[in-house]
PDB file of N, CA and C in Angstrom:
ATOM      1  N   MET A   1      51.831 116.940 107.262  1.00  0.00           N
ATOM      2  CA  MET A   1      51.305 117.422 108.190  1.00  0.00           C
ATOM      3  C   MET A   1      52.335 115.895 108.986  1.00  0.00           C
ATOM      4  N   ASN A   2      52.639 117.418 110.411  1.00  0.00           N
ATOM      5  CA  ASN A   2      53.287 116.633 111.221  1.00  0.00           C
ATOM      6  C   ASN A   2      52.566 116.296 112.234  1.00  0.00           C
ATOM      7  N   THR A   3      52.182 115.071 113.035  1.00  0.00           N
ATOM      8  CA  THR A   3      51.229 114.470 113.987  1.00  0.00           C
ATOM      9  C   THR A   3      52.171 115.159 115.291  1.00  0.00           C
ATOM     10  N   HIS A   4      51.634 114.560 116.377  1.00  0.00           N
ATOM     11  CA  HIS A   4      51.990 116.228 117.865  1.00  0.00           C
ATOM     12  C   HIS A   4      53.298 114.825 117.682  1.00  0.00           C
ATOM     13  N   SER A   5      52.626 113.432 117.564  1.00  0.00           N
ATOM     14  CA  SER A   5      53.840 112.309 117.847  1.00  0.00           C
ATOM     15  C   SER A   5      55.200 112.050 116.919  1.00  0.00           C
ATOM     16  N   GLU A   6      55.159 112.786 116.124  1.00  0.00           N
ATOM     17  CA  GLU A   6      56.197 113.114 115.262  1.00  0.00           C
ATOM     18  C   GLU A   6      57.155 113.861 115.492  1.00  0.00           C
ATOM     19  N   LEU A   7      56.701 115.552 116.024  1.00  0.00           N
ATOM     20  CA  LEU A   7      57.256 116.718 116.638  1.00  0.00           C
ATOM     21  C   LEU A   7      58.606 115.747 117.739  1.00  0.00           C
ATOM     22  N   LEU A   8      57.286 114.770 118.565  1.00  0.00           N
ATOM     23  CA  LEU A   8      58.164 115.051 119.526  1.00  0.00           C
ATOM     24  C   LEU A   8      58.982 113.436 119.874  1.00  0.00           C
ATOM     25  N   LYS A   9      58.961 112.602 118.254  1.00  0.00           N
ATOM     26  CA  LYS A   9      60.505 112.051 118.652  1.00  0.00           C
ATOM     27  C   LYS A   9      61.399 112.390 118.872  1.00  0.00           C
ATOM     28  N   ILE A  10      62.108 111.175 119.096  1.00  0.00           N
ATOM     29  CA  ILE A  10      63.385 112.064 119.769  1.00  0.00           C
ATOM     30  C   ILE A  10      64.366 111.661 119.004  1.00  0.00           C
ATOM     31  N   ASP A  11      65.991 111.161 118.745  1.00  0.00           N
ATOM     32  CA  ASP A  11      67.062 110.054 118.171  1.00  0.00           C
ATOM     33  C   ASP A  11      67.584 110.554 119.030  1.00  0.00           C
ATOM     34  N   LEU A  12      68.995 109.830 118.621  1.00  0.00           N
ATOM     35  CA  LEU A  12      69.881 110.056 119.376  1.00  0.00           C
ATOM     36  C   LEU A  12      70.832 111.030 118.812  1.00  0.00           C
ATOM     37  N   THR A  13      71.062 111.556 117.892  1.00  0.00           N
ATOM     38  CA  THR A  13      71.195 113.134 118.318  1.00  0.00           C
ATOM     39  C   THR A  13      70.815 113.253 118.286  1.00  0.00           C
ATOM     40  N   THR A  14      70.202 114.174 118.811  1.00  0.00           N
ATOM     41  CA  THR A  14      69.042 114.734 119.632  1.00  0.00           C
ATOM     42  C   THR A  14      69.668 114.680 120.734  1.00  0.00           C
ATOM     43  N   PHE A  15      69.374 113.350 120.747  1.00  0.00           N
ATOM     44  CA  PHE A  15      69.375 113.178 122.618  1.00  0.00           C
ATOM     45  C   PHE A  15      70.945 113.232 123.044  1.00  0.00           C
ATOM     46  N   PHE A  16      71.799 113.211 122.617  1.00  0.00           N
ATOM     47  CA  PHE A  16      73.295 113.757 122.593  1.00  0.00           C
ATOM     48  C   PHE A  16      72.847 114.954 122.566  1.00  0.00           C
ATOM     49  N   LEU A  17      72.528 116.005 121.694  1.00  0.00           N
ATOM     50  CA  LEU A  17      72.981 117.355 121.811  1.00  0.00           C
ATOM     51  C   LEU A  17      72.054 118.109 123.101  1.00  0.00           C
ATOM     52  N   SER A  18      70.974 117.305 123.214  1.00  0.00           N
ATOM     53  CA  SER A  18      70.127 117.718 124.597  1.00  0.00           C
ATOM     54  C   SER A  18      70.935 117.961 126.165  1.00  0.00           C
ATOM     55  N   ILE A  19      71.829 116.805 125.765  1.00  0.00           N
ATOM     56  CA  ILE A  19      72.673 116.492 127.573  1.00  0.00           C
ATOM     57  C   ILE A  19      73.834 117.567 127.464  1.00  0.00           C
ATOM     58  N   SER A  20      74.012 117.199 126.151  1.00  0.00           N
ATOM     59  CA  SER A  20      75.598 118.949 125.763  1.00  0.00           C
ATOM     60  C   SER A  20      75.012 120.313 126.231  1.00  0.00           C
ATOM     61  N   SER A  21      74.115 120.428 126.277  1.00  0.00           N
ATOM     62  CA  SER A  21      73.000 121.233 126.031  1.00  0.00           C
ATOM     63  C   SER A  21      73.081 121.881 127.439  1.00  0.00           C
ATOM     64  N   ALA A  22      72.467 120.995 128.332  1.00  0.00           N
ATOM     65  CA  ALA A  22      72.145 121.252 129.845  1.00  0.00           C
ATOM     66  C   ALA A  22      73.956 121.458 129.921  1.00  0.00           C
ATOM     67  N   ALA A  23      75.347 120.608 129.269  1.00  0.00           N
ATOM     68  CA  ALA A  23      76.893 120.154 130.118  1.00  0.00           C
ATOM     69  C   ALA A  23      76.893 122.461 129.883  1.00  0.00           C
ATOM     70  N   PHE A  24      76.420 122.782 128.675  1.00  0.00           N
ATOM     71  CA  PHE A  24      77.089 124.101 128.316  1.00  0.00           C
ATOM     72  C   PHE A  24      76.491 125.207 129.009  1.00  0.00           C
ATOM     73  N   MET A  25      75.403 124.645 129.657  1.00  0.00           N
ATOM     74  CA  MET A  25      74.560 125.756 130.739  1.00  0.00           C
ATOM     75  C   MET A  25      75.002 126.101 131.111  1.00  0.00           C
ATOM     76  N   GLY A  26      75.764 124.855 132.630  1.00  0.00           N
ATOM     77  CA  GLY A  26      76.570 124.710 133.554  1.00  0.00           C
ATOM     78  C   GLY A  26      77.523 125.230 133.072  1.00  0.00           C
ATOM     79  N   LEU A  27      78.491 125.423 132.260  1.00  0.00           N
ATOM     80  CA  LEU A  27      79.542 126.044 132.569  1.00  0.00           C
ATOM     81  C   LEU A  27      79.371 127.015 131.885  1.00  0.00           C
ATOM     82  N   GLY A  28      78.165 127.867 131.671  1.00  0.00           N
ATOM     83  CA  GLY A  28      77.755 129.615 131.746  1.00  0.00           C
ATOM     84  C   GLY A  28      78.708 129.764 130.204  1.00  0.00           C
ATOM     85  N   VAL A  29      78.018 128.950 129.024  1.00  0.00           N
ATOM     86  CA  VAL A  29      78.318 128.978 127.728  1.00  0.00           C
ATOM     87  C   VAL A  29      77.040 129.223 127.342  1.00  0.00           C
ATOM     88  N   VAL A  30      75.829 129.478 127.366  1.00  0.00           N
ATOM     89  CA  VAL A  30      74.755 129.776 127.144  1.00  0.00           C
ATOM     90  C   VAL A  30      73.951 129.749 127.935  1.00  0.00           C
ATOM     91  N   PRO A  31      72.387 130.440 128.246  1.00  0.00           N
ATOM     92  CA  PRO A  31      72.226 131.361 128.867  1.00  0.00           C
ATOM     93  C   PRO A  31      70.963 129.739 129.446  1.00  0.00           C
ATOM     94  N   PRO A  32      69.828 130.253 130.949  1.00  0.00           N
ATOM     95  CA  PRO A  32      69.580 128.884 130.532  1.00  0.00           C
ATOM     96  C   PRO A  32      68.282 129.342 130.287  1.00  0.00           C
ATOM     97  N   PRO A  33      66.992 127.904 130.304  1.00  0.00           N
ATOM     98  CA  PRO A  33      66.082 128.006 129.020  1.00  0.00           C
ATOM     99  C   PRO A  33      65.520 129.192 129.200  1.00  0.00           C
ATOM    100  N   GLU A  34      65.211 129.104 131.265  1.00  0.00           N
ATOM    101  CA  GLU A  34      64.113 130.234 131.649  1.00  0.00           C
ATOM    102  C   GLU A  34      64.756 132.135 131.289  1.00  0.00           C
ATOM    103  N   GLY A  35      65.683 132.225 130.267  1.00  0.00           N
ATOM    104  CA  GLY A  35      65.960 133.457 130.147  1.00  0.00           C
ATOM    105  C   GLY A  35      67.626 133.967 131.420  1.00  0.00           C
ATOM    106  N   GLY A  36      67.576 134.755 131.447  1.00  0.00           N
ATOM    107  CA  GLY A  36      68.656 135.942 132.367  1.00  0.00           C
ATOM    108  C   GLY A  36      70.373 135.255 131.493  1.00  0.00           C
ATOM    109  N   GLU A  37      71.077 135.766 132.769  1.00  0.00           N
ATOM    110  CA  GLU A  37      72.435 135.664 132.324  1.00  0.00           C
ATOM    111  C   GLU A  37      72.795 134.587 132.233  1.00  0.00           C
ATOM    112  N   PRO A  38      73.684 133.905 131.252  1.00  0.00           N
ATOM    113  CA  PRO A  38      74.289 132.692 131.777  1.00  0.00           C
ATOM    114  C   PRO A  38      75.262 132.941 133.263  1.00  0.00           C
ATOM    115  N   HIS A  39      75.562 131.186 133.809  1.00  0.00           N
ATOM    116  CA  HIS A  39      76.157 131.762 135.326  1.00  0.00           C
ATOM    117  C   HIS A  39      76.681 129.641 135.340  1.00  0.00           C
ATOM    118  N   VAL A  40      77.541 129.732 135.737  1.00  0.00           N
ATOM    119  CA  VAL A  40      78.451 128.765 135.777  1.00  0.00           C
ATOM    120  C   VAL A  40      78.179 127.686 137.541  1.00  0.00           C
ATOM    121  N   ASP A  41      77.873 126.642 136.828  1.00  0.00           N
ATOM    122  CA  ASP A  41      77.680 125.565 138.047  1.00  0.00           C
ATOM    123  C   ASP A  41      78.413 124.211 137.009  1.00  0.00           C
ATOM    124  N   LEU A  42      79.515 124.145 138.106  1.00  0.00           N
ATOM    125  CA  LEU A  42      80.405 122.691 137.677  1.00  0.00           C
ATOM    126  C   LEU A  42      79.747 122.343 137.637  1.00  0.00           C
ATOM    127  N   GLU A  43      78.926 121.785 138.976  1.00  0.00           N
ATOM    128  CA  GLU A  43      77.966 120.639 139.045  1.00  0.00           C
ATOM    129  C   GLU A  43      76.848 119.964 138.329  1.00  0.00           C
ATOM    130  N   LEU A  44      76.269 121.118 137.857  1.00  0.00           N
ATOM    131  CA  LEU A  44      75.682 120.424 136.794  1.00  0.00           C
ATOM    132  C   LEU A  44      76.015 120.544 135.715  1.00  0.00           C
ATOM    133  N   ALA A  45      76.954 120.757 135.281  1.00  0.00           N
ATOM    134  CA  ALA A  45      77.962 120.470 133.934  1.00  0.00           C
ATOM    135  C   ALA A  45      78.824 119.342 134.158  1.00  0.00           C
ATOM    136  N   ARG A  46      79.198 119.215 134.980  1.00  0.00           N
ATOM    137  CA  ARG A  46      79.891 117.328 135.445  1.00  0.00           C
ATOM    138  C   ARG A  46      78.892 116.618 135.306  1.00  0.00           C
ATOM    139  N   GLN A  47      77.891 116.949 136.121  1.00  0.00           N
ATOM    140  CA  GLN A  47      76.749 115.352 135.741  1.00  0.00           C
ATOM    141  C   GLN A  47      76.357 114.930 134.628  1.00  0.00           C
ATOM    142  N   ASN A  48      76.402 116.733 133.510  1.00  0.00           N
ATOM    143  CA  ASN A  48      75.678 115.613 132.845  1.00  0.00           C
ATOM    144  C   ASN A  48      76.842 115.227 131.347  1.00  0.00           C
ATOM    145  N   ILE A  49      78.236 116.025 131.221  1.00  0.00           N
ATOM    146  CA  ILE A  49      79.242 115.217 130.992  1.00  0.00           C
ATOM    147  C   ILE A  49      79.829 113.906 131.612  1.00  0.00           C
ATOM    148  N   ASP A  50      79.253 113.655 132.657  1.00  0.00           N
ATOM    149  CA  ASP A  50      79.131 111.639 133.013  1.00  0.00           C
ATOM    150  C   ASP A  50      78.207 111.084 132.196  1.00  0.00           C
ATOM    151  N   LEU A  51      77.026 111.602 132.065  1.00  0.00           N
ATOM    152  CA  LEU A  51      75.886 111.155 131.437  1.00  0.00           C
ATOM    153  C   LEU A  51      76.214 111.258 130.041  1.00  0.00           C
ATOM    154  N   LEU A  52      76.980 111.904 129.777  1.00  0.00           N
ATOM    155  CA  LEU A  52      77.859 112.360 127.644  1.00  0.00           C
ATOM    156  C   LEU A  52      78.789 110.657 127.780  1.00  0.00           C
ATOM    157  N   GLU A  53      78.893 110.468 129.417  1.00  0.00           N
ATOM    158  CA  GLU A  53      80.217 110.380 129.237  1.00  0.00           C
ATOM    159  C   GLU A  53      80.108 107.809 128.932  1.00  0.00           C
ATOM    160  N   LEU A  54      78.727 107.588 130.057  1.00  0.00           N
ATOM    161  CA  LEU A  54      77.683 107.086 129.870  1.00  0.00           C
ATOM    162  C   LEU A  54      77.078 106.750 129.004  1.00  0.00           C
ATOM    163  N   MET A  55      76.287 107.064 128.087  1.00  0.00           N
ATOM    164  CA  MET A  55      75.467 107.172 126.697  1.00  0.00           C
ATOM    165  C   MET A  55      77.050 106.181 125.893  1.00  0.00           C
ATOM    166  N   HIS A  56      78.251 107.294 125.730  1.00  0.00           N
ATOM    167  CA  HIS A  56      78.939 106.855 124.830  1.00  0.00           C
ATOM    168  C   HIS A  56      79.336 105.695 125.359  1.00  0.00           C
ATOM    169  N   GLU A  57      79.819 104.866 126.143  1.00  0.00           N
ATOM    170  CA  GLU A  57      79.951 103.941 126.913  1.00  0.00           C
ATOM    171  C   GLU A  57      78.538 102.406 126.425  1.00  0.00           C
ATOM    172  N   LYS A  58      77.359 103.350 126.869  1.00  0.00           N
ATOM    173  CA  LYS A  58      76.259 102.347 126.508  1.00  0.00           C
ATOM    174  C   LYS A  58      75.770 101.912 125.077  1.00  0.00           C
ATOM    175  N   THR A  59      76.619 103.081 124.655  1.00  0.00           N
ATOM    176  CA  THR A  59      75.858 103.146 123.394  1.00  0.00           C
ATOM    177  C   THR A  59      76.573 101.921 121.811  1.00  0.00           C
ATOM    178  N   ARG A  60      78.233 102.179 122.718  1.00  0.00           N
ATOM    179  CA  ARG A  60      79.467 101.669 121.884  1.00  0.00           C
ATOM    180  C   ARG A  60      78.580 100.151 121.238  1.00  0.00           C
ATOM    181  N   GLY A  61      78.507 100.619 119.888  1.00  0.00           N
ATOM    182  CA  GLY A  61      78.533  99.334 119.230  1.00  0.00           C
ATOM    183  C   GLY A  61      77.140  99.543 118.206  1.00  0.00           C
ATOM    184  N   ASN A  62      76.377 100.577 118.430  1.00  0.00           N
ATOM    185  CA  ASN A  62      75.221 101.030 118.311  1.00  0.00           C
ATOM    186  C   ASN A  62      74.588 102.066 117.076  1.00  0.00           C
ATOM    187  N   ARG A  63      75.856 102.785 117.147  1.00  0.00           N
ATOM    188  CA  ARG A  63      75.933 104.505 116.214  1.00  0.00           C
ATOM    189  C   ARG A  63      76.321 104.128 115.631  1.00  0.00           C
ATOM    190  N   THR A  64      75.704 105.135 114.470  1.00  0.00           N
ATOM    191  CA  THR A  64      76.144 105.051 112.753  1.00  0.00           C
ATOM    192  C   THR A  64      77.547 106.033 113.353  1.00  0.00           C
ATOM    193  N   SER A  65      78.173 106.110 112.471  1.00  0.00           N
ATOM    194  CA  SER A  65      79.471 106.571 112.624  1.00  0.00           C
ATOM    195  C   SER A  65      79.515 108.434 112.405  1.00  0.00           C
ATOM    196  N   GLU A  66      78.181 109.376 112.169  1.00  0.00           N
ATOM    197  CA  GLU A  66      77.931 110.406 112.322  1.00  0.00           C
ATOM    198  C   GLU A  66      77.467 110.731 114.024  1.00  0.00           C
ATOM    199  N   GLU A  67      77.135 109.748 114.537  1.00  0.00           N
ATOM    200  CA  GLU A  67      76.779 109.354 115.787  1.00  0.00           C
ATOM    201  C   GLU A  67      78.114 109.761 116.436  1.00  0.00           C
ATOM    202  N   ASP A  68      79.354 108.284 116.155  1.00  0.00           N
ATOM    203  CA  ASP A  68      80.326 108.273 117.016  1.00  0.00           C
ATOM    204  C   ASP A  68      80.985 109.902 116.599  1.00  0.00           C
ATOM    205  N   LYS A  69      81.091 110.120 115.668  1.00  0.00           N
ATOM    206  CA  LYS A  69      81.688 111.412 115.687  1.00  0.00           C
ATOM    207  C   LYS A  69      80.901 113.181 116.727  1.00  0.00           C
ATOM    208  N   LEU A  70      80.258 112.877 116.876  1.00  0.00           N
ATOM    209  CA  LEU A  70      79.107 113.977 116.995  1.00  0.00           C
ATOM    210  C   LEU A  70      79.131 113.404 118.567  1.00  0.00           C
ATOM    211  N   ILE A  71      79.391 112.735 119.116  1.00  0.00           N
ATOM    212  CA  ILE A  71      79.605 111.929 120.506  1.00  0.00           C
ATOM    213  C   ILE A  71      80.333 112.944 120.892  1.00  0.00           C
ATOM    214  N   GLU A  72      81.572 112.073 120.199  1.00  0.00           N
ATOM    215  CA  GLU A  72      83.188 112.727 120.379  1.00  0.00           C
ATOM    216  C   GLU A  72      83.656 113.792 120.551  1.00  0.00           C
ATOM    217  N   GLN A  73      83.005 114.636 119.198  1.00  0.00           N
ATOM    218  CA  GLN A  73      82.991 115.747 119.555  1.00  0.00           C
ATOM    219  C   GLN A  73      82.615 116.796 120.703  1.00  0.00           C
ATOM    220  N   LEU A  74      81.452 115.950 121.011  1.00  0.00           N
ATOM    221  CA  LEU A  74      80.302 117.286 122.684  1.00  0.00           C
ATOM    222  C   LEU A  74      81.569 117.034 123.127  1.00  0.00           C
ATOM    223  N   LEU A  75      81.672 115.463 123.963  1.00  0.00           N
ATOM    224  CA  LEU A  75      82.848 114.872 124.955  1.00  0.00           C
ATOM    225  C   LEU A  75      83.929 115.813 125.256  1.00  0.00           C
ATOM    226  N   PHE A  76      84.485 115.902 123.888  1.00  0.00           N
ATOM    227  CA  PHE A  76      86.046 116.289 123.282  1.00  0.00           C
ATOM    228  C   PHE A  76      85.701 118.408 124.172  1.00  0.00           C
ATOM    229  N   GLU A  77      84.660 119.101 123.503  1.00  0.00           N
ATOM    230  CA  GLU A  77      84.017 120.183 123.941  1.00  0.00           C
ATOM    231  C   GLU A  77      83.775 120.593 125.115  1.00  0.00           C
ATOM    232  N   THR A  78      83.036 119.652 125.959  1.00  0.00           N
ATOM    233  CA  THR A  78      82.568 119.977 127.441  1.00  0.00           C
ATOM    234  C   THR A  78      83.902 120.002 128.421  1.00  0.00           C
ATOM    235  N   ARG A  79      84.586 118.766 128.640  1.00  0.00           N
ATOM    236  CA  ARG A  79      85.538 118.360 128.783  1.00  0.00           C
ATOM    237  C   ARG A  79      86.696 119.760 128.627  1.00  0.00           C
ATOM    238  N   MET A  80      87.199 119.912 127.786  1.00  0.00           N
ATOM    239  CA  MET A  80      88.191 121.206 127.397  1.00  0.00           C
ATOM    240  C   MET A  80      87.046 122.393 128.199  1.00  0.00           C
ATOM    241  N   LYS A  81      86.041 123.088 128.044  1.00  0.00           N
ATOM    242  CA  LYS A  81      85.370 124.072 128.804  1.00  0.00           C
ATOM    243  C   LYS A  81      85.459 123.280 130.523  1.00  0.00           C
ATOM    244  N   TYR A  82      85.262 122.492 130.515  1.00  0.00           N
ATOM    245  CA  TYR A  82      85.330 122.162 131.819  1.00  0.00           C
ATOM    246  C   TYR A  82      86.522 122.446 132.318  1.00  0.00           C
ATOM    247  N   ILE A  83      87.740 122.118 132.594  1.00  0.00           N
ATOM    248  CA  ILE A  83      88.602 121.981 132.941  1.00  0.00           C
ATOM    249  C   ILE A  83      89.108 123.980 132.247  1.00  0.00           C
ATOM    250  N   GLU A  84      89.003 124.063 131.855  1.00  0.00           N
ATOM    251  CA  GLU A  84      89.348 126.038 131.842  1.00  0.00           C
ATOM    252  C   GLU A  84      88.504 126.559 132.840  1.00  0.00           C
ATOM    253  N   LYS A  85      87.044 126.137 133.125  1.00  0.00           N
ATOM    254  CA  LYS A  85      86.255 126.872 133.871  1.00  0.00           C
ATOM    255  C   LYS A  85      86.634 126.258 135.289  1.00  0.00           C
ATOM    256  N   GLN A  86      87.214 124.968 135.692  1.00  0.00           N
ATOM    257  CA  GLN A  86      87.590 124.689 137.081  1.00  0.00           C
ATOM    258  C   GLN A  86      89.374 125.038 136.704  1.00  0.00           C
ATOM    259  N   LYS A  87      89.898 125.905 136.277  1.00  0.00           N
ATOM    260  CA  LYS A  87      91.219 126.393 136.912  1.00  0.00           C
ATOM    261  C   LYS A  87      90.639 128.020 137.040  1.00  0.00           C
ATOM    262  N   LYS A  88      89.279 127.809 136.612  1.00  0.00           N
ATOM    263  CA  LYS A  88      88.971 129.762 137.122  1.00  0.00           C
ATOM    264  C   LYS A  88      88.680 130.041 138.413  1.00  0.00           C
TER     265      LYS A  88
END
């Protein structure tokens, strides 16, 4: 059985996914956690993409190959969606 502290444990993968989720929320791709319709907030999206970029830089050399692939993929997807939304 999991204890409360085990349930709250966060790893780098979970952290990257959390940041990207906030970016996708700002891009209007996913609805806000409080419910309602998704809406575009490019400032929120940009802040979270910047945070992903910061984590990409600061964790270099300390990530597993899976974490490397994940953050690269998340950066690519969020950047492309940001550019797409910015053009609209």
